Amino acid sequence: MIVLFLVLFLGGIYMMGAAFNVTEFPGLVFSGGLLITSAAVGIPFLIAAVEHRGADNRG
């Protein structure tokens, strides 16, 4: 799973950088890269929160 999120993260960063060289819709490409990067960071936290939901975390 970590490889998938690493590929998404790096791909999103690449898209944000490539947006400056795109002739059509650079804002859309940058926004897509930002969303992909945010998802690559946020989804693992969401998965961890769902897995630990209801668990006794007091030690």
PDB file of N, CA and C in Angstrom:
ATOM      1  N   MET A   1       0.815  -1.192   0.000  1.00  0.00           N
ATOM      2  CA  MET A   1       0.000   0.000   0.000  1.00  0.00           C
ATOM      3  C   MET A   1       0.863   1.262   0.000  1.00  0.00           C
ATOM      4  N   ILE A   2       1.957   1.205   0.729  1.00  0.00           N
ATOM      5  CA  ILE A   2       2.778   2.413   0.830  1.00  0.00           C
ATOM      6  C   ILE A   2       3.371   2.784  -0.526  1.00  0.00           C
ATOM      7  N   VAL A   3       3.631   1.786  -1.353  1.00  0.00           N
ATOM      8  CA  VAL A   3       4.175   2.071  -2.681  1.00  0.00           C
ATOM      9  C   VAL A   3       3.122   2.797  -3.526  1.00  0.00           C
ATOM     10  N   LEU A   4       1.872   2.386  -3.408  1.00  0.00           N
ATOM     11  CA  LEU A   4       0.804   3.048  -4.143  1.00  0.00           C
ATOM     12  C   LEU A   4       0.687   4.511  -3.739  1.00  0.00           C
ATOM     13  N   PHE A   5       0.706   4.778  -2.438  1.00  0.00           N
ATOM     14  CA  PHE A   5       0.571   6.155  -1.983  1.00  0.00           C
ATOM     15  C   PHE A   5       1.816   6.971  -2.298  1.00  0.00           C
ATOM     16  N   LEU A   6       2.975   6.347  -2.327  1.00  0.00           N
ATOM     17  CA  LEU A   6       4.193   7.051  -2.724  1.00  0.00           C
ATOM     18  C   LEU A   6       4.131   7.437  -4.201  1.00  0.00           C
ATOM     19  N   VAL A   7       3.641   6.521  -5.032  1.00  0.00           N
ATOM     20  CA  VAL A   7       3.499   6.820  -6.464  1.00  0.00           C
ATOM     21  C   VAL A   7       2.485   7.940  -6.672  1.00  0.00           C
ATOM     22  N   LEU A   8       1.364   7.894  -5.932  1.00  0.00           N
ATOM     23  CA  LEU A   8       0.374   8.970  -6.035  1.00  0.00           C
ATOM     24  C   LEU A   8       0.964  10.303  -5.586  1.00  0.00           C
ATOM     25  N   PHE A   9       1.704  10.290  -4.490  1.00  0.00           N
ATOM     26  CA  PHE A   9       2.300  11.515  -3.966  1.00  0.00           C
ATOM     27  C   PHE A   9       3.282  12.120  -4.965  1.00  0.00           C
ATOM     28  N   LEU A  10       4.186  11.306  -5.464  1.00  0.00           N
ATOM     29  CA  LEU A  10       5.179  11.810  -6.413  1.00  0.00           C
ATOM     30  C   LEU A  10       4.536  12.199  -7.741  1.00  0.00           C
ATOM     31  N   GLY A  11       3.526  11.460  -8.166  1.00  0.00           N
ATOM     32  CA  GLY A  11       2.809  11.811  -9.383  1.00  0.00           C
ATOM     33  C   GLY A  11       2.085  13.141  -9.252  1.00  0.00           C
ATOM     34  N   GLY A  12       1.517  13.388  -8.081  1.00  0.00           N
ATOM     35  CA  GLY A  12       0.850  14.670  -7.848  1.00  0.00           C
ATOM     36  C   GLY A  12       1.823  15.829  -7.854  1.00  0.00           C
ATOM     37  N   ILE A  13       2.981  15.620  -7.251  1.00  0.00           N
ATOM     38  CA  ILE A  13       4.004  16.667  -7.262  1.00  0.00           C
ATOM     39  C   ILE A  13       4.493  16.915  -8.699  1.00  0.00           C
ATOM     40  N   TYR A  14       4.649  15.840  -9.454  1.00  0.00           N
ATOM     41  CA  TYR A  14       5.048  15.989 -10.852  1.00  0.00           C
ATOM     42  C   TYR A  14       4.003  16.775 -11.644  1.00  0.00           C
ATOM     43  N   MET A  15       2.725  16.473 -11.401  1.00  0.00           N
ATOM     44  CA  MET A  15       1.657  17.193 -12.104  1.00  0.00           C
ATOM     45  C   MET A  15       1.657  18.679 -11.749  1.00  0.00           C
ATOM     46  N   MET A  16       1.904  18.994 -10.483  1.00  0.00           N
ATOM     47  CA  MET A  16       1.950  20.410 -10.098  1.00  0.00           C
ATOM     48  C   MET A  16       3.096  21.126 -10.799  1.00  0.00           C
ATOM     49  N   GLY A  17       4.230  20.457 -10.930  1.00  0.00           N
ATOM     50  CA  GLY A  17       5.360  21.062 -11.630  1.00  0.00           C
ATOM     51  C   GLY A  17       5.136  21.148 -13.121  1.00  0.00           C
ATOM     52  N   ALA A  18       4.485  20.137 -13.685  1.00  0.00           N
ATOM     53  CA  ALA A  18       4.242  20.115 -15.127  1.00  0.00           C
ATOM     54  C   ALA A  18       3.178  21.123 -15.536  1.00  0.00           C
ATOM     55  N   ALA A  19       2.393  21.582 -14.591  1.00  0.00           N
ATOM     56  CA  ALA A  19       1.326  22.538 -14.916  1.00  0.00           C
ATOM     57  C   ALA A  19       1.891  23.837 -15.472  1.00  0.00           C
ATOM     58  N   PHE A  20       3.119  24.172 -15.135  1.00  0.00           N
ATOM     59  CA  PHE A  20       3.710  25.407 -15.624  1.00  0.00           C
ATOM     60  C   PHE A  20       4.156  25.302 -17.073  1.00  0.00           C
ATOM     61  N   ASN A  21       4.240  24.091 -17.612  1.00  0.00           N
ATOM     62  CA  ASN A  21       4.656  23.895 -18.999  1.00  0.00           C
ATOM     63  C   ASN A  21       3.513  23.476 -19.910  1.00  0.00           C
ATOM     64  N   VAL A  22       2.326  23.287 -19.354  1.00  0.00           N
ATOM     65  CA  VAL A  22       1.175  22.871 -20.142  1.00  0.00           C
ATOM     66  C   VAL A  22       0.562  24.102 -20.807  1.00  0.00           C
ATOM     67  N   THR A  23       0.197  23.967 -22.073  1.00  0.00           N
ATOM     68  CA  THR A  23      -0.364  25.115 -22.782  1.00  0.00           C
ATOM     69  C   THR A  23      -1.867  25.257 -22.552  1.00  0.00           C
ATOM     70  N   GLU A  24      -2.561  24.165 -22.345  1.00  0.00           N
ATOM     71  CA  GLU A  24      -4.001  24.223 -22.137  1.00  0.00           C
ATOM     72  C   GLU A  24      -4.355  23.769 -20.725  1.00  0.00           C
ATOM     73  N   PHE A  25      -5.166  24.538 -20.052  1.00  0.00           N
ATOM     74  CA  PHE A  25      -5.694  24.230 -18.720  1.00  0.00           C
ATOM     75  C   PHE A  25      -4.611  24.005 -17.657  1.00  0.00           C
ATOM     76  N   PRO A  26      -3.662  24.928 -17.497  1.00  0.00           N
ATOM     77  CA  PRO A  26      -2.631  24.715 -16.469  1.00  0.00           C
ATOM     78  C   PRO A  26      -3.207  24.746 -15.056  1.00  0.00           C
ATOM     79  N   GLY A  27      -4.248  25.535 -14.852  1.00  0.00           N
ATOM     80  CA  GLY A  27      -4.862  25.574 -13.532  1.00  0.00           C
ATOM     81  C   GLY A  27      -5.521  24.262 -13.165  1.00  0.00           C
ATOM     82  N   LEU A  28      -6.134  23.619 -14.151  1.00  0.00           N
ATOM     83  CA  LEU A  28      -6.772  22.329 -13.920  1.00  0.00           C
ATOM     84  C   LEU A  28      -5.735  21.245 -13.621  1.00  0.00           C
ATOM     85  N   VAL A  29      -4.622  21.270 -14.344  1.00  0.00           N
ATOM     86  CA  VAL A  29      -3.556  20.291 -14.105  1.00  0.00           C
ATOM     87  C   VAL A  29      -2.951  20.497 -12.721  1.00  0.00           C
ATOM     88  N   PHE A  30      -2.725  21.759 -12.346  1.00  0.00           N
ATOM     89  CA  PHE A  30      -2.173  22.038 -11.026  1.00  0.00           C
ATOM     90  C   PHE A  30      -3.148  21.615  -9.932  1.00  0.00           C
ATOM     91  N   SER A  31      -4.427  21.923 -10.111  1.00  0.00           N
ATOM     92  CA  SER A  31      -5.430  21.546  -9.115  1.00  0.00           C
ATOM     93  C   SER A  31      -5.546  20.029  -8.997  1.00  0.00           C
ATOM     94  N   GLY A  32      -5.469  19.333 -10.112  1.00  0.00           N
ATOM     95  CA  GLY A  32      -5.489  17.868 -10.078  1.00  0.00           C
ATOM     96  C   GLY A  32      -4.285  17.309  -9.333  1.00  0.00           C
ATOM     97  N   GLY A  33      -3.124  17.887  -9.573  1.00  0.00           N
ATOM     98  CA  GLY A  33      -1.926  17.451  -8.852  1.00  0.00           C
ATOM     99  C   GLY A  33      -2.038  17.720  -7.365  1.00  0.00           C
ATOM    100  N   LEU A  34      -2.619  18.853  -7.014  1.00  0.00           N
ATOM    101  CA  LEU A  34      -2.811  19.184  -5.605  1.00  0.00           C
ATOM    102  C   LEU A  34      -3.777  18.211  -4.939  1.00  0.00           C
ATOM    103  N   LEU A  35      -4.865  17.870  -5.634  1.00  0.00           N
ATOM    104  CA  LEU A  35      -5.825  16.912  -5.085  1.00  0.00           C
ATOM    105  C   LEU A  35      -5.223  15.518  -4.943  1.00  0.00           C
ATOM    106  N   ILE A  36      -4.443  15.092  -5.924  1.00  0.00           N
ATOM    107  CA  ILE A  36      -3.815  13.771  -5.854  1.00  0.00           C
ATOM    108  C   ILE A  36      -2.806  13.722  -4.710  1.00  0.00           C
ATOM    109  N   THR A  37      -2.008  14.777  -4.564  1.00  0.00           N
ATOM    110  CA  THR A  37      -1.031  14.830  -3.472  1.00  0.00           C
ATOM    111  C   THR A  37      -1.735  14.833  -2.120  1.00  0.00           C
ATOM    112  N   SER A  38      -2.799  15.603  -2.003  1.00  0.00           N
ATOM    113  CA  SER A  38      -3.548  15.643  -0.746  1.00  0.00           C
ATOM    114  C   SER A  38      -4.173  14.295  -0.426  1.00  0.00           C
ATOM    115  N   ALA A  39      -4.700  13.624  -1.434  1.00  0.00           N
ATOM    116  CA  ALA A  39      -5.287  12.305  -1.217  1.00  0.00           C
ATOM    117  C   ALA A  39      -4.226  11.290  -0.805  1.00  0.00           C
ATOM    118  N   ALA A  40      -3.036  11.375  -1.413  1.00  0.00           N
ATOM    119  CA  ALA A  40      -1.969  10.440  -1.075  1.00  0.00           C
ATOM    120  C   ALA A  40      -1.502  10.609   0.366  1.00  0.00           C
ATOM    121  N   VAL A  41      -1.642  11.809   0.907  1.00  0.00           N
ATOM    122  CA  VAL A  41      -1.276  12.047   2.304  1.00  0.00           C
ATOM    123  C   VAL A  41      -2.445  11.717   3.226  1.00  0.00           C
ATOM    124  N   GLY A  42      -3.657  12.065   2.822  1.00  0.00           N
ATOM    125  CA  GLY A  42      -4.810  11.930   3.696  1.00  0.00           C
ATOM    126  C   GLY A  42      -5.396  10.543   3.795  1.00  0.00           C
ATOM    127  N   ILE A  43      -5.384   9.773   2.726  1.00  0.00           N
ATOM    128  CA  ILE A  43      -6.008   8.452   2.737  1.00  0.00           C
ATOM    129  C   ILE A  43      -5.360   7.500   3.746  1.00  0.00           C
ATOM    130  N   PRO A  44      -4.023   7.444   3.871  1.00  0.00           N
ATOM    131  CA  PRO A  44      -3.455   6.562   4.902  1.00  0.00           C
ATOM    132  C   PRO A  44      -3.897   6.934   6.327  1.00  0.00           C
ATOM    133  N   PHE A  45      -4.048   8.235   6.599  1.00  0.00           N
ATOM    134  CA  PHE A  45      -4.538   8.642   7.916  1.00  0.00           C
ATOM    135  C   PHE A  45      -5.986   8.210   8.107  1.00  0.00           C
ATOM    136  N   LEU A  46      -6.785   8.313   7.065  1.00  0.00           N
ATOM    137  CA  LEU A  46      -8.179   7.888   7.137  1.00  0.00           C
ATOM    138  C   LEU A  46      -8.274   6.383   7.366  1.00  0.00           C
ATOM    139  N   ILE A  47      -7.470   5.615   6.665  1.00  0.00           N
ATOM    140  CA  ILE A  47      -7.475   4.163   6.830  1.00  0.00           C
ATOM    141  C   ILE A  47      -7.074   3.788   8.249  1.00  0.00           C
ATOM    142  N   ALA A  48      -6.040   4.449   8.777  1.00  0.00           N
ATOM    143  CA  ALA A  48      -5.602   4.160  10.143  1.00  0.00           C
ATOM    144  C   ALA A  48      -6.680   4.524  11.157  1.00  0.00           C
ATOM    145  N   ALA A  49      -7.387   5.625  10.937  1.00  0.00           N
ATOM    146  CA  ALA A  49      -8.440   6.032  11.867  1.00  0.00           C
ATOM    147  C   ALA A  49      -9.601   5.051  11.842  1.00  0.00           C
ATOM    148  N   VAL A  50      -9.947   4.541  10.660  1.00  0.00           N
ATOM    149  CA  VAL A  50     -11.049   3.587  10.555  1.00  0.00           C
ATOM    150  C   VAL A  50     -10.661   2.256  11.200  1.00  0.00           C
ATOM    151  N   GLU A  51      -9.413   1.836  11.024  1.00  0.00           N
ATOM    152  CA  GLU A  51      -8.968   0.575  11.616  1.00  0.00           C
ATOM    153  C   GLU A  51      -8.954   0.629  13.139  1.00  0.00           C
ATOM    154  N   HIS A  52      -8.658   1.797  13.699  1.00  0.00           N
ATOM    155  CA  HIS A  52      -8.552   1.926  15.150  1.00  0.00           C
ATOM    156  C   HIS A  52      -9.821   2.468  15.790  1.00  0.00           C
ATOM    157  N   ARG A  53     -10.856   2.648  15.014  1.00  0.00           N
ATOM    158  CA  ARG A  53     -12.110   3.167  15.552  1.00  0.00           C
ATOM    159  C   ARG A  53     -12.706   2.158  16.536  1.00  0.00           C
ATOM    160  N   GLY A  54     -13.038   2.623  17.692  1.00  0.00           N
ATOM    161  CA  GLY A  54     -13.640   1.764  18.693  1.00  0.00           C
ATOM    162  C   GLY A  54     -12.636   0.982  19.521  1.00  0.00           C
ATOM    163  N   ALA A  55     -11.372   1.054  19.180  1.00  0.00           N
ATOM    164  CA  ALA A  55     -10.364   0.339  19.957  1.00  0.00           C
ATOM    165  C   ALA A  55     -10.079   1.099  21.244  1.00  0.00           C
ATOM    166  N   ASP A  56      -9.731   0.359  22.261  1.00  0.00           N
ATOM    167  CA  ASP A  56      -9.394   0.974  23.542  1.00  0.00           C
ATOM    168  C   ASP A  56      -7.955   1.469  23.469  1.00  0.00           C
ATOM    169  N   ASN A  57      -7.763   2.761  23.336  1.00  0.00           N
ATOM    170  CA  ASN A  57      -6.441   3.345  23.149  1.00  0.00           C
ATOM    171  C   ASN A  57      -5.852   3.910  24.431  1.00  0.00           C
ATOM    172  N   ARG A  58      -6.383   3.532  25.583  1.00  0.00           N
ATOM    173  CA  ARG A  58      -5.889   4.092  26.828  1.00  0.00           C
ATOM    174  C   ARG A  58      -4.696   3.337  27.389  1.00  0.00           C
ATOM    175  N   GLY A  59      -4.278   2.339  26.723  1.00  0.00           N
ATOM    176  CA  GLY A  59      -3.067   1.661  27.172  1.00  0.00           C
ATOM    177  C   GLY A  59      -3.328   0.342  27.627  1.00  0.00           C
TER     178      GLY A  59
END
